[in-house]
Amino acid sequence: MILCDPRPARLADAAFALLMGDDDDRCRTTVAFLERLFRDITGVREDTVDPRDHSAILIPAGSASSPLDAGRCLLDVRRTAIYLRGVHGAIKEAQLRFPQEVIEVLYAGCGPFAPLCLPLLPLLAGQAIHFTLLDVHARAVESVQAIMAALRLDGVKVDCLVCDATQYRHPDQRPLHVVVSETMQRALEKEPQVAILVNTAPQLTPGGLMVPETIAVDAVLTDMSQELGGNGHGPEPWSNRVPLGRILELDRERACAWAAAGVPSHLPPARISLPSCVAAQNSLVLTTTIRTFGVHELREYESGLTHPLMVNGWRAGEDVEFTYRLCDQPGFQLARTTRQAL
């Protein structure tokens, strides 16, 4: 008697649960199932015996997390759900915009589990879609291929490449419709998210889509003890913030404009004015919000990606500039400037 492997069907059920529901407990259970499934197949887990699983790779545009650390990101439940919904929504929109074409999806920085692609494959089986999955870690690519083979995920064409996504060139004969990349930390520090999108967004065909659609970083003054100690009652813990302004917004248009200007070592600085009187308990922090696609947003504190980042080296009454550096240690650099006399 031939026994049918139930895991592909369970993978499809997991995708439905993450795409369609806002039941936090169900999403948490679903993500835990996916993590166990993928770790059991690949061996990328806490007791791994492969030394490559612990090794990050430093590339000219930042640090590529180790396969073990990248795999842990799957357990950031809200992140996984909101990004998966964004990717699914972008693919569906691309199918409407390009009804006669094979939809080309580039997933840059897929990690060992490709969580923004693999759960969708059973739902997309038989459709005219082609995924290209990139990761700079050979071990990550091997792991993705092992999962696909074990679960027989062959209903959608998928190519897996070991490649630095900041240098990747998509074949000219295959118009690129969707670019996906989640290679970031809070306030876009350390990882090469910006450099990847500056490289890949200009390669999109006209009308092509980027996931995430928008990443916004704002500067605010706030009492972090109040925010981190909020008990869920009364006003939002950040309701007494002092907003100072947006210091960076990343979307397809801006990524293309920066690329057209000749990929610089840093982006144009953003200047903000600090009030002369700042409460002693207030800190200067950078906040991050992410719209993956359409209505799907990661708001503050919903994910490790959207927790605030504290900034040091400022004084009340000063003007300061935030400059985002594109280098092997990407992130914002703070500089004091002279306040203009009135």
C-alpha atoms as a PDB file:
ATOM      1  CA  MET A   1       0.000   0.000   0.000  1.00  0.00           C
ATOM      2  CA  ILE A   2       1.335   3.459  -0.994  1.00  0.00           C
ATOM      3  CA  LEU A   3       0.921   6.064   1.724  1.00  0.00           C
ATOM      4  CA  CYS A   4       0.337   9.648   0.670  1.00  0.00           C
ATOM      5  CA  ASP A   5       2.611  12.240   2.293  1.00  0.00           C
ATOM      6  CA  PRO A   6       0.259  14.619   4.163  1.00  0.00           C
ATOM      7  CA  ARG A   7       2.840  17.393   4.532  1.00  0.00           C
ATOM      8  CA  PRO A   8       2.150  19.254   1.240  1.00  0.00           C
ATOM      9  CA  ALA A   9      -1.544  19.472   2.141  1.00  0.00           C
ATOM     10  CA  ARG A  10      -0.634  20.708   5.614  1.00  0.00           C
ATOM     11  CA  LEU A  11       1.645  23.301   4.031  1.00  0.00           C
ATOM     12  CA  ALA A  12      -1.306  24.567   1.980  1.00  0.00           C
ATOM     13  CA  ASP A  13      -3.452  24.676   5.137  1.00  0.00           C
ATOM     14  CA  ALA A  14      -0.729  26.669   6.864  1.00  0.00           C
ATOM     15  CA  ALA A  15      -0.666  29.181   4.016  1.00  0.00           C
ATOM     16  CA  PHE A  16      -4.440  29.614   4.195  1.00  0.00           C
ATOM     17  CA  ALA A  17      -4.272  30.136   7.952  1.00  0.00           C
ATOM     18  CA  LEU A  18      -1.667  32.885   7.623  1.00  0.00           C
ATOM     19  CA  LEU A  19      -3.313  34.553   4.633  1.00  0.00           C
ATOM     20  CA  MET A  20      -6.899  34.558   5.748  1.00  0.00           C
ATOM     21  CA  GLY A  21      -6.997  34.828   9.528  1.00  0.00           C
ATOM     22  CA  ASP A  22      -6.186  37.331  12.244  1.00  0.00           C
ATOM     23  CA  ASP A  23      -6.490  34.773  15.024  1.00  0.00           C
ATOM     24  CA  ASP A  24      -3.165  35.299  16.797  1.00  0.00           C
ATOM     25  CA  ASP A  25      -3.195  31.887  18.459  1.00  0.00           C
ATOM     26  CA  ARG A  26      -3.856  30.101  15.179  1.00  0.00           C
ATOM     27  CA  CYS A  27      -1.123  32.081  13.406  1.00  0.00           C
ATOM     28  CA  ARG A  28       1.310  31.284  16.207  1.00  0.00           C
ATOM     29  CA  THR A  29       0.486  27.578  16.018  1.00  0.00           C
ATOM     30  CA  THR A  30       0.822  27.651  12.231  1.00  0.00           C
ATOM     31  CA  VAL A  31       4.219  29.319  12.302  1.00  0.00           C
ATOM     32  CA  ALA A  32       5.444  26.836  14.923  1.00  0.00           C
ATOM     33  CA  PHE A  33       4.347  23.985  12.630  1.00  0.00           C
ATOM     34  CA  LEU A  34       6.192  25.490   9.664  1.00  0.00           C
ATOM     35  CA  GLU A  35       9.347  25.967  11.706  1.00  0.00           C
ATOM     36  CA  ARG A  36       9.333  22.351  12.929  1.00  0.00           C
ATOM     37  CA  LEU A  37       8.636  21.056   9.447  1.00  0.00           C
ATOM     38  CA  PHE A  38      11.416  23.036   7.798  1.00  0.00           C
ATOM     39  CA  ARG A  39      13.970  22.417  10.553  1.00  0.00           C
ATOM     40  CA  ASP A  40      13.308  18.668  10.541  1.00  0.00           C
ATOM     41  CA  ILE A  41      13.883  18.518   6.784  1.00  0.00           C
ATOM     42  CA  THR A  42      16.968  20.744   6.651  1.00  0.00           C
ATOM     43  CA  GLY A  43      18.698  20.254   9.994  1.00  0.00           C
ATOM     44  CA  VAL A  44      18.979  24.043  10.363  1.00  0.00           C
ATOM     45  CA  ARG A  45      18.126  24.133  14.079  1.00  0.00           C
ATOM     46  CA  GLU A  46      19.676  24.991  17.424  1.00  0.00           C
ATOM     47  CA  ASP A  47      21.537  21.657  17.680  1.00  0.00           C
ATOM     48  CA  THR A  48      22.868  21.880  14.108  1.00  0.00           C
ATOM     49  CA  VAL A  49      26.114  20.076  13.350  1.00  0.00           C
ATOM     50  CA  ASP A  50      26.828  22.102  10.200  1.00  0.00           C
ATOM     51  CA  PRO A  51      29.189  24.990  11.071  1.00  0.00           C
ATOM     52  CA  ARG A  52      27.873  26.974   8.102  1.00  0.00           C
ATOM     53  CA  ASP A  53      24.571  27.421   9.946  1.00  0.00           C
ATOM     54  CA  HIS A  54      26.228  29.776  12.452  1.00  0.00           C
ATOM     55  CA  SER A  55      28.178  31.888   9.960  1.00  0.00           C
ATOM     56  CA  ALA A  56      27.066  35.319   8.853  1.00  0.00           C
ATOM     57  CA  ILE A  57      28.600  36.669   5.652  1.00  0.00           C
ATOM     58  CA  LEU A  58      29.803  40.246   5.360  1.00  0.00           C
ATOM     59  CA  ILE A  59      29.160  41.702   1.913  1.00  0.00           C
ATOM     60  CA  PRO A  60      30.033  45.244   0.748  1.00  0.00           C
ATOM     61  CA  ALA A  61      26.440  46.383   1.462  1.00  0.00           C
ATOM     62  CA  GLY A  62      26.004  44.889   4.935  1.00  0.00           C
ATOM     63  CA  SER A  63      25.778  41.680   6.909  1.00  0.00           C
ATOM     64  CA  ALA A  64      23.889  38.632   5.604  1.00  0.00           C
ATOM     65  CA  SER A  65      22.533  36.834   8.661  1.00  0.00           C
ATOM     66  CA  SER A  66      23.595  33.249   9.284  1.00  0.00           C
ATOM     67  CA  PRO A  67      21.169  30.552   8.107  1.00  0.00           C
ATOM     68  CA  LEU A  68      20.324  29.790  11.742  1.00  0.00           C
ATOM     69  CA  ASP A  69      19.498  33.426  12.514  1.00  0.00           C
ATOM     70  CA  ALA A  70      17.586  33.821   9.254  1.00  0.00           C
ATOM     71  CA  GLY A  71      15.564  30.716  10.071  1.00  0.00           C
ATOM     72  CA  ARG A  72      14.640  32.140  13.468  1.00  0.00           C
ATOM     73  CA  CYS A  73      12.901  35.055  11.723  1.00  0.00           C
ATOM     74  CA  LEU A  74      10.100  32.669  10.774  1.00  0.00           C
ATOM     75  CA  LEU A  75       9.004  32.716  14.437  1.00  0.00           C
ATOM     76  CA  ASP A  76       8.326  36.467  14.251  1.00  0.00           C
ATOM     77  CA  VAL A  77       4.662  35.605  13.731  1.00  0.00           C
ATOM     78  CA  ARG A  78       3.233  38.951  12.684  1.00  0.00           C
ATOM     79  CA  ARG A  79       6.150  39.588  10.343  1.00  0.00           C
ATOM     80  CA  THR A  80       5.702  36.224   8.647  1.00  0.00           C
ATOM     81  CA  ALA A  81       1.941  36.662   8.231  1.00  0.00           C
ATOM     82  CA  ILE A  82       1.992  40.272   7.006  1.00  0.00           C
ATOM     83  CA  TYR A  83       4.829  39.695   4.554  1.00  0.00           C
ATOM     84  CA  LEU A  84       3.245  36.493   3.223  1.00  0.00           C
ATOM     85  CA  ARG A  85      -0.024  38.362   2.661  1.00  0.00           C
ATOM     86  CA  GLY A  86       1.887  41.117   0.896  1.00  0.00           C
ATOM     87  CA  VAL A  87       3.657  38.695  -1.437  1.00  0.00           C
ATOM     88  CA  HIS A  88       0.414  36.856  -2.221  1.00  0.00           C
ATOM     89  CA  GLY A  89      -1.383  40.147  -2.876  1.00  0.00           C
ATOM     90  CA  ALA A  90       1.401  41.434  -5.128  1.00  0.00           C
ATOM     91  CA  ILE A  91       1.384  38.233  -7.186  1.00  0.00           C
ATOM     92  CA  LYS A  92      -2.379  38.418  -7.625  1.00  0.00           C
ATOM     93  CA  GLU A  93      -2.133  42.067  -8.667  1.00  0.00           C
ATOM     94  CA  ALA A  94       0.655  41.235 -11.121  1.00  0.00           C
ATOM     95  CA  GLN A  95      -1.543  38.542 -12.664  1.00  0.00           C
ATOM     96  CA  LEU A  96      -4.226  41.182 -13.249  1.00  0.00           C
ATOM     97  CA  ARG A  97      -1.758  43.670 -14.728  1.00  0.00           C
ATOM     98  CA  PHE A  98       0.034  41.148 -16.939  1.00  0.00           C
ATOM     99  CA  PRO A  99      -2.613  38.538 -17.817  1.00  0.00           C
ATOM    100  CA  GLN A 100      -0.773  37.073 -20.803  1.00  0.00           C
ATOM    101  CA  GLU A 101       2.636  36.739 -19.156  1.00  0.00           C
ATOM    102  CA  VAL A 102       4.423  34.301 -16.889  1.00  0.00           C
ATOM    103  CA  ILE A 103       4.731  36.246 -13.637  1.00  0.00           C
ATOM    104  CA  GLU A 104       8.391  36.517 -12.687  1.00  0.00           C
ATOM    105  CA  VAL A 105       8.962  36.843  -8.930  1.00  0.00           C
ATOM    106  CA  LEU A 106      12.413  37.561  -7.507  1.00  0.00           C
ATOM    107  CA  TYR A 107      12.857  36.716  -3.809  1.00  0.00           C
ATOM    108  CA  ALA A 108      16.142  38.265  -2.678  1.00  0.00           C
ATOM    109  CA  GLY A 109      17.552  36.922   0.568  1.00  0.00           C
ATOM    110  CA  CYS A 110      15.306  33.873   0.965  1.00  0.00           C
ATOM    111  CA  GLY A 111      17.202  32.291   3.880  1.00  0.00           C
ATOM    112  CA  PRO A 112      17.057  28.534   4.554  1.00  0.00           C
ATOM    113  CA  PHE A 113      13.246  28.323   4.701  1.00  0.00           C
ATOM    114  CA  ALA A 114      12.052  30.834   2.048  1.00  0.00           C
ATOM    115  CA  PRO A 115       8.968  31.519   4.211  1.00  0.00           C
ATOM    116  CA  LEU A 116       7.568  34.123   1.805  1.00  0.00           C
ATOM    117  CA  CYS A 117       7.515  31.639  -1.071  1.00  0.00           C
ATOM    118  CA  LEU A 118       7.362  27.975  -0.065  1.00  0.00           C
ATOM    119  CA  PRO A 119       4.004  28.087   1.817  1.00  0.00           C
ATOM    120  CA  LEU A 120       2.409  29.669  -1.261  1.00  0.00           C
ATOM    121  CA  LEU A 121       3.559  27.039  -3.760  1.00  0.00           C
ATOM    122  CA  PRO A 122       0.703  24.547  -3.153  1.00  0.00           C
ATOM    123  CA  LEU A 123      -1.808  27.392  -3.623  1.00  0.00           C
ATOM    124  CA  LEU A 124      -0.168  28.561  -6.863  1.00  0.00           C
ATOM    125  CA  ALA A 125       0.410  25.120  -8.396  1.00  0.00           C
ATOM    126  CA  GLY A 126      -0.272  25.034 -12.127  1.00  0.00           C
ATOM    127  CA  GLN A 127      -0.285  28.816 -12.510  1.00  0.00           C
ATOM    128  CA  ALA A 128       2.004  30.751 -14.850  1.00  0.00           C
ATOM    129  CA  ILE A 129       4.476  31.897 -12.181  1.00  0.00           C
ATOM    130  CA  HIS A 130       8.249  31.595 -12.005  1.00  0.00           C
ATOM    131  CA  PHE A 131      10.144  32.235  -8.772  1.00  0.00           C
ATOM    132  CA  THR A 132      13.835  33.057  -8.596  1.00  0.00           C
ATOM    133  CA  LEU A 133      15.151  32.641  -5.054  1.00  0.00           C
ATOM    134  CA  LEU A 134      18.501  34.196  -4.109  1.00  0.00           C
ATOM    135  CA  ASP A 135      20.696  33.880  -1.063  1.00  0.00           C
ATOM    136  CA  VAL A 136      24.389  34.565  -0.569  1.00  0.00           C
ATOM    137  CA  HIS A 137      24.649  31.499   1.706  1.00  0.00           C
ATOM    138  CA  ALA A 138      25.058  28.232  -0.213  1.00  0.00           C
ATOM    139  CA  ARG A 139      23.739  26.413   2.867  1.00  0.00           C
ATOM    140  CA  ALA A 140      20.495  28.429   2.734  1.00  0.00           C
ATOM    141  CA  VAL A 141      19.952  27.593  -0.927  1.00  0.00           C
ATOM    142  CA  GLU A 142      20.671  23.911  -0.292  1.00  0.00           C
ATOM    143  CA  SER A 143      18.098  23.953   2.514  1.00  0.00           C
ATOM    144  CA  VAL A 144      15.392  25.480   0.320  1.00  0.00           C
ATOM    145  CA  GLN A 145      16.064  22.867  -2.346  1.00  0.00           C
ATOM    146  CA  ALA A 146      15.869  20.107   0.280  1.00  0.00           C
ATOM    147  CA  ILE A 147      12.457  21.341   1.448  1.00  0.00           C
ATOM    148  CA  MET A 148      11.133  21.506  -2.097  1.00  0.00           C
ATOM    149  CA  ALA A 149      12.357  17.985  -2.848  1.00  0.00           C
ATOM    150  CA  ALA A 150      11.034  16.522   0.402  1.00  0.00           C
ATOM    151  CA  LEU A 151       7.583  18.069  -0.055  1.00  0.00           C
ATOM    152  CA  ARG A 152       7.551  17.575  -3.841  1.00  0.00           C
ATOM    153  CA  LEU A 153       6.786  21.223  -4.461  1.00  0.00           C
ATOM    154  CA  ASP A 154       7.062  21.024  -8.222  1.00  0.00           C
ATOM    155  CA  GLY A 155       3.794  22.629  -9.299  1.00  0.00           C
ATOM    156  CA  VAL A 156       5.441  26.029  -9.749  1.00  0.00           C
ATOM    157  CA  LYS A 157       8.802  26.621 -11.444  1.00  0.00           C
ATOM    158  CA  VAL A 158      11.416  27.736  -8.912  1.00  0.00           C
ATOM    159  CA  ASP A 159      15.089  28.507  -9.550  1.00  0.00           C
ATOM    160  CA  CYS A 160      17.442  28.802  -6.559  1.00  0.00           C
ATOM    161  CA  LEU A 161      20.712  30.712  -6.923  1.00  0.00           C
ATOM    162  CA  VAL A 162      23.647  31.405  -4.633  1.00  0.00           C
ATOM    163  CA  CYS A 163      24.086  35.110  -5.264  1.00  0.00           C
ATOM    164  CA  ASP A 164      24.661  38.511  -3.635  1.00  0.00           C
ATOM    165  CA  ALA A 165      21.301  40.163  -4.305  1.00  0.00           C
ATOM    166  CA  THR A 166      22.913  43.614  -4.384  1.00  0.00           C
ATOM    167  CA  GLN A 167      24.714  42.510  -7.573  1.00  0.00           C
ATOM    168  CA  TYR A 168      22.073  40.280  -9.215  1.00  0.00           C
ATOM    169  CA  ARG A 169      21.003  40.933 -12.798  1.00  0.00           C
ATOM    170  CA  HIS A 170      17.728  39.429 -13.971  1.00  0.00           C
ATOM    171  CA  PRO A 171      17.736  37.956 -17.497  1.00  0.00           C
ATOM    172  CA  ASP A 172      16.589  40.563 -20.009  1.00  0.00           C
ATOM    173  CA  GLN A 173      14.384  38.083 -21.844  1.00  0.00           C
ATOM    174  CA  ARG A 174      12.254  37.502 -18.726  1.00  0.00           C
ATOM    175  CA  PRO A 175      10.452  40.699 -17.615  1.00  0.00           C
ATOM    176  CA  LEU A 176      10.531  40.990 -13.830  1.00  0.00           C
ATOM    177  CA  HIS A 177       7.090  41.604 -12.299  1.00  0.00           C
ATOM    178  CA  VAL A 178       7.558  41.310  -8.505  1.00  0.00           C
ATOM    179  CA  VAL A 179      10.599  41.885  -6.280  1.00  0.00           C
ATOM    180  CA  VAL A 180      10.458  40.567  -2.717  1.00  0.00           C
ATOM    181  CA  SER A 181      13.063  41.184  -0.038  1.00  0.00           C
ATOM    182  CA  GLU A 182      12.970  41.120   3.755  1.00  0.00           C
ATOM    183  CA  THR A 183      16.607  41.674   4.613  1.00  0.00           C
ATOM    184  CA  MET A 184      16.358  44.308   7.306  1.00  0.00           C
ATOM    185  CA  GLN A 185      16.404  45.124  10.980  1.00  0.00           C
ATOM    186  CA  ARG A 186      14.724  47.978  12.815  1.00  0.00           C
ATOM    187  CA  ALA A 187      15.519  51.402  11.342  1.00  0.00           C
ATOM    188  CA  LEU A 188      17.169  49.629   8.393  1.00  0.00           C
ATOM    189  CA  GLU A 189      20.409  49.010  10.272  1.00  0.00           C
ATOM    190  CA  LYS A 190      23.101  46.370   9.596  1.00  0.00           C
ATOM    191  CA  GLU A 191      21.416  44.419   6.775  1.00  0.00           C
ATOM    192  CA  PRO A 192      21.417  45.273   3.040  1.00  0.00           C
ATOM    193  CA  GLN A 193      17.685  45.914   2.459  1.00  0.00           C
ATOM    194  CA  VAL A 194      18.212  49.352   0.906  1.00  0.00           C
ATOM    195  CA  ALA A 195      21.086  48.243  -1.324  1.00  0.00           C
ATOM    196  CA  ILE A 196      19.127  45.211  -2.524  1.00  0.00           C
ATOM    197  CA  LEU A 197      16.107  47.288  -3.511  1.00  0.00           C
ATOM    198  CA  VAL A 198      18.247  49.999  -5.127  1.00  0.00           C
ATOM    199  CA  ASN A 199      19.689  47.222  -7.304  1.00  0.00           C
ATOM    200  CA  THR A 200      16.512  45.255  -8.043  1.00  0.00           C
ATOM    201  CA  ALA A 201      13.700  47.845  -8.195  1.00  0.00           C
ATOM    202  CA  PRO A 202      15.047  49.436 -11.415  1.00  0.00           C
ATOM    203  CA  GLN A 203      14.975  45.985 -13.029  1.00  0.00           C
ATOM    204  CA  LEU A 204      11.194  45.720 -12.611  1.00  0.00           C
ATOM    205  CA  THR A 205       9.136  45.930 -15.764  1.00  0.00           C
ATOM    206  CA  PRO A 206       6.908  49.064 -16.003  1.00  0.00           C
ATOM    207  CA  GLY A 207       3.991  48.433 -13.661  1.00  0.00           C
ATOM    208  CA  GLY A 208       5.996  45.910 -11.644  1.00  0.00           C
ATOM    209  CA  LEU A 209       5.614  45.636  -7.884  1.00  0.00           C
ATOM    210  CA  MET A 210       7.906  45.690  -4.872  1.00  0.00           C
ATOM    211  CA  VAL A 211       7.362  43.938  -1.525  1.00  0.00           C
ATOM    212  CA  PRO A 212       7.550  45.751   0.784  1.00  0.00           C
ATOM    213  CA  GLU A 213       5.879  48.652  -0.986  1.00  0.00           C
ATOM    214  CA  THR A 214       7.025  51.195   1.598  1.00  0.00           C
ATOM    215  CA  ILE A 215       9.386  51.341   4.567  1.00  0.00           C
ATOM    216  CA  ALA A 216       9.212  54.536   6.614  1.00  0.00           C
ATOM    217  CA  VAL A 217      11.570  55.651   9.386  1.00  0.00           C
ATOM    218  CA  ASP A 218      10.578  58.592  11.608  1.00  0.00           C
ATOM    219  CA  ALA A 219      12.323  60.437  14.429  1.00  0.00           C
ATOM    220  CA  VAL A 220      10.380  61.074  17.649  1.00  0.00           C
ATOM    221  CA  LEU A 221      10.970  62.092  21.231  1.00  0.00           C
ATOM    222  CA  THR A 222       9.338  59.741  23.714  1.00  0.00           C
ATOM    223  CA  ASP A 223       9.467  58.318  27.210  1.00  0.00           C
ATOM    224  CA  MET A 224      10.672  54.772  26.560  1.00  0.00           C
ATOM    225  CA  SER A 225       9.879  53.624  30.087  1.00  0.00           C
ATOM    226  CA  GLN A 226       6.228  54.500  29.432  1.00  0.00           C
ATOM    227  CA  GLU A 227       6.220  52.787  26.054  1.00  0.00           C
ATOM    228  CA  LEU A 228       7.862  49.584  27.209  1.00  0.00           C
ATOM    229  CA  GLY A 229       5.859  49.522  30.438  1.00  0.00           C
ATOM    230  CA  GLY A 230       2.427  50.023  28.846  1.00  0.00           C
ATOM    231  CA  ASN A 231      -0.200  47.735  30.368  1.00  0.00           C
ATOM    232  CA  GLY A 232      -2.695  47.901  27.547  1.00  0.00           C
ATOM    233  CA  HIS A 233      -5.095  50.158  29.462  1.00  0.00           C
ATOM    234  CA  GLY A 234      -5.850  53.791  28.752  1.00  0.00           C
ATOM    235  CA  PRO A 235      -4.210  55.685  25.858  1.00  0.00           C
ATOM    236  CA  GLU A 236      -1.593  54.130  23.612  1.00  0.00           C
ATOM    237  CA  PRO A 237       1.802  54.160  25.345  1.00  0.00           C
ATOM    238  CA  TRP A 238       3.216  56.376  22.576  1.00  0.00           C
ATOM    239  CA  SER A 239       0.370  58.911  22.633  1.00  0.00           C
ATOM    240  CA  ASN A 240       2.606  61.504  24.329  1.00  0.00           C
ATOM    241  CA  ARG A 241       5.327  61.355  21.722  1.00  0.00           C
ATOM    242  CA  VAL A 242       6.797  64.459  20.109  1.00  0.00           C
ATOM    243  CA  PRO A 243       7.050  63.760  16.350  1.00  0.00           C
ATOM    244  CA  LEU A 244      10.098  65.341  14.717  1.00  0.00           C
ATOM    245  CA  GLY A 245       9.751  64.234  11.110  1.00  0.00           C
ATOM    246  CA  ARG A 246      10.350  61.479   8.594  1.00  0.00           C
ATOM    247  CA  ILE A 247      14.023  60.826   7.945  1.00  0.00           C
ATOM    248  CA  LEU A 248      13.690  58.145   5.279  1.00  0.00           C
ATOM    249  CA  GLU A 249      10.987  56.643   3.087  1.00  0.00           C
ATOM    250  CA  LEU A 250      11.852  53.759   0.807  1.00  0.00           C
ATOM    251  CA  ASP A 251       9.586  52.766  -2.065  1.00  0.00           C
ATOM    252  CA  ARG A 252      10.038  51.730  -5.676  1.00  0.00           C
ATOM    253  CA  GLU A 253      10.182  55.265  -7.060  1.00  0.00           C
ATOM    254  CA  ARG A 254      12.817  56.414  -4.577  1.00  0.00           C
ATOM    255  CA  ALA A 255      14.895  53.256  -4.997  1.00  0.00           C
ATOM    256  CA  CYS A 256      14.907  53.812  -8.770  1.00  0.00           C
ATOM    257  CA  ALA A 257      15.787  57.493  -8.377  1.00  0.00           C
ATOM    258  CA  TRP A 258      18.727  56.701  -6.088  1.00  0.00           C
ATOM    259  CA  ALA A 259      19.941  54.069  -8.533  1.00  0.00           C
ATOM    260  CA  ALA A 260      19.629  56.471 -11.465  1.00  0.00           C
ATOM    261  CA  ALA A 261      21.731  59.009  -9.573  1.00  0.00           C
ATOM    262  CA  GLY A 262      24.527  56.439  -9.415  1.00  0.00           C
ATOM    263  CA  VAL A 263      24.399  54.252  -6.308  1.00  0.00           C
ATOM    264  CA  PRO A 264      26.009  56.557  -3.727  1.00  0.00           C
ATOM    265  CA  SER A 265      27.810  55.776  -0.485  1.00  0.00           C
ATOM    266  CA  HIS A 266      24.989  57.493   1.358  1.00  0.00           C
ATOM    267  CA  LEU A 267      21.489  58.821   0.745  1.00  0.00           C
ATOM    268  CA  PRO A 268      20.523  62.525   0.926  1.00  0.00           C
ATOM    269  CA  PRO A 269      20.489  63.638   4.587  1.00  0.00           C
ATOM    270  CA  ALA A 270      17.309  64.512   6.467  1.00  0.00           C
ATOM    271  CA  ARG A 271      17.422  67.494   8.807  1.00  0.00           C
ATOM    272  CA  ILE A 272      15.300  67.816  11.930  1.00  0.00           C
ATOM    273  CA  SER A 273      15.045  70.437  14.657  1.00  0.00           C
ATOM    274  CA  LEU A 274      15.068  69.391  18.304  1.00  0.00           C
ATOM    275  CA  PRO A 275      12.948  71.531  20.635  1.00  0.00           C
ATOM    276  CA  SER A 276      14.769  73.733  23.129  1.00  0.00           C
ATOM    277  CA  CYS A 277      12.952  72.145  26.051  1.00  0.00           C
ATOM    278  CA  VAL A 278      12.927  68.357  26.208  1.00  0.00           C
ATOM    279  CA  ALA A 279      11.558  66.462  29.201  1.00  0.00           C
ATOM    280  CA  ALA A 280      14.351  64.713  31.072  1.00  0.00           C
ATOM    281  CA  GLN A 281      12.696  61.317  30.659  1.00  0.00           C
ATOM    282  CA  ASN A 282      12.417  61.612  26.879  1.00  0.00           C
ATOM    283  CA  SER A 283      14.706  59.811  24.454  1.00  0.00           C
ATOM    284  CA  LEU A 284      15.296  60.392  20.752  1.00  0.00           C
ATOM    285  CA  VAL A 285      14.265  57.241  18.894  1.00  0.00           C
ATOM    286  CA  LEU A 286      13.795  56.079  15.330  1.00  0.00           C
ATOM    287  CA  THR A 287      10.537  54.293  14.575  1.00  0.00           C
ATOM    288  CA  THR A 288       9.852  51.954  11.658  1.00  0.00           C
ATOM    289  CA  THR A 289       6.626  51.098   9.845  1.00  0.00           C
ATOM    290  CA  ILE A 290       6.335  48.747   6.885  1.00  0.00           C
ATOM    291  CA  ARG A 291       3.590  48.376   4.275  1.00  0.00           C
ATOM    292  CA  THR A 292       4.219  45.078   2.545  1.00  0.00           C
ATOM    293  CA  PHE A 293       1.457  45.487  -0.045  1.00  0.00           C
ATOM    294  CA  GLY A 294      -1.932  47.184  -0.174  1.00  0.00           C
ATOM    295  CA  VAL A 295      -3.592  47.162   3.248  1.00  0.00           C
ATOM    296  CA  HIS A 296      -1.037  44.840   4.829  1.00  0.00           C
ATOM    297  CA  GLU A 297       1.074  46.789   7.321  1.00  0.00           C
ATOM    298  CA  LEU A 298       3.504  46.022  10.110  1.00  0.00           C
ATOM    299  CA  ARG A 299       2.937  48.692  12.717  1.00  0.00           C
ATOM    300  CA  GLU A 300       5.177  49.603  15.602  1.00  0.00           C
ATOM    301  CA  TYR A 301       5.875  46.876  18.158  1.00  0.00           C
ATOM    302  CA  GLU A 302       4.141  44.224  16.023  1.00  0.00           C
ATOM    303  CA  SER A 303       7.484  42.723  14.981  1.00  0.00           C
ATOM    304  CA  GLY A 304      11.149  42.831  15.819  1.00  0.00           C
ATOM    305  CA  LEU A 305      11.457  44.849  12.600  1.00  0.00           C
ATOM    306  CA  THR A 306       9.324  47.666  13.985  1.00  0.00           C
ATOM    307  CA  HIS A 307      10.620  48.178  17.514  1.00  0.00           C
ATOM    308  CA  PRO A 308      12.132  51.630  18.129  1.00  0.00           C
ATOM    309  CA  LEU A 309      15.865  52.269  17.957  1.00  0.00           C
ATOM    310  CA  MET A 310      17.351  54.707  20.469  1.00  0.00           C
ATOM    311  CA  VAL A 311      19.713  57.442  19.249  1.00  0.00           C
ATOM    312  CA  ASN A 312      22.578  58.900  21.283  1.00  0.00           C
ATOM    313  CA  GLY A 313      24.706  62.009  20.823  1.00  0.00           C
ATOM    314  CA  TRP A 314      22.059  64.750  20.593  1.00  0.00           C
ATOM    315  CA  ARG A 315      21.163  67.845  22.607  1.00  0.00           C
ATOM    316  CA  ALA A 316      17.977  69.835  23.067  1.00  0.00           C
ATOM    317  CA  GLY A 317      17.740  72.933  20.900  1.00  0.00           C
ATOM    318  CA  GLU A 318      20.014  71.615  18.157  1.00  0.00           C
ATOM    319  CA  ASP A 319      19.417  70.881  14.512  1.00  0.00           C
ATOM    320  CA  VAL A 320      20.668  67.452  13.516  1.00  0.00           C
ATOM    321  CA  GLU A 321      21.034  65.560  10.249  1.00  0.00           C
ATOM    322  CA  PHE A 322      20.416  61.880   9.756  1.00  0.00           C
ATOM    323  CA  THR A 323      22.372  60.403   6.850  1.00  0.00           C
ATOM    324  CA  TYR A 324      21.736  56.821   5.775  1.00  0.00           C
ATOM    325  CA  ARG A 325      24.999  55.117   4.848  1.00  0.00           C
ATOM    326  CA  LEU A 326      25.182  52.421   2.188  1.00  0.00           C
ATOM    327  CA  CYS A 327      28.261  50.469   3.225  1.00  0.00           C
ATOM    328  CA  ASP A 328      29.338  47.271   4.967  1.00  0.00           C
ATOM    329  CA  GLN A 329      27.628  48.639   8.121  1.00  0.00           C
ATOM    330  CA  PRO A 330      24.486  50.318   6.790  1.00  0.00           C
ATOM    331  CA  GLY A 331      22.452  52.563   9.019  1.00  0.00           C
ATOM    332  CA  PHE A 332      21.879  56.148  10.075  1.00  0.00           C
ATOM    333  CA  GLN A 333      24.665  58.499  11.090  1.00  0.00           C
ATOM    334  CA  LEU A 334      23.788  61.492  13.261  1.00  0.00           C
ATOM    335  CA  ALA A 335      25.535  64.836  12.760  1.00  0.00           C
ATOM    336  CA  ARG A 336      24.935  68.143  14.497  1.00  0.00           C
ATOM    337  CA  THR A 337      24.409  71.157  12.272  1.00  0.00           C
ATOM    338  CA  THR A 338      24.250  74.887  12.823  1.00  0.00           C
ATOM    339  CA  ARG A 339      20.739  76.180  13.425  1.00  0.00           C
ATOM    340  CA  GLN A 340      19.842  78.875  10.933  1.00  0.00           C
ATOM    341  CA  ALA A 341      19.224  82.297  12.449  1.00  0.00           C
ATOM    342  CA  LEU A 342      15.790  83.778  11.850  1.00  0.00           C
END
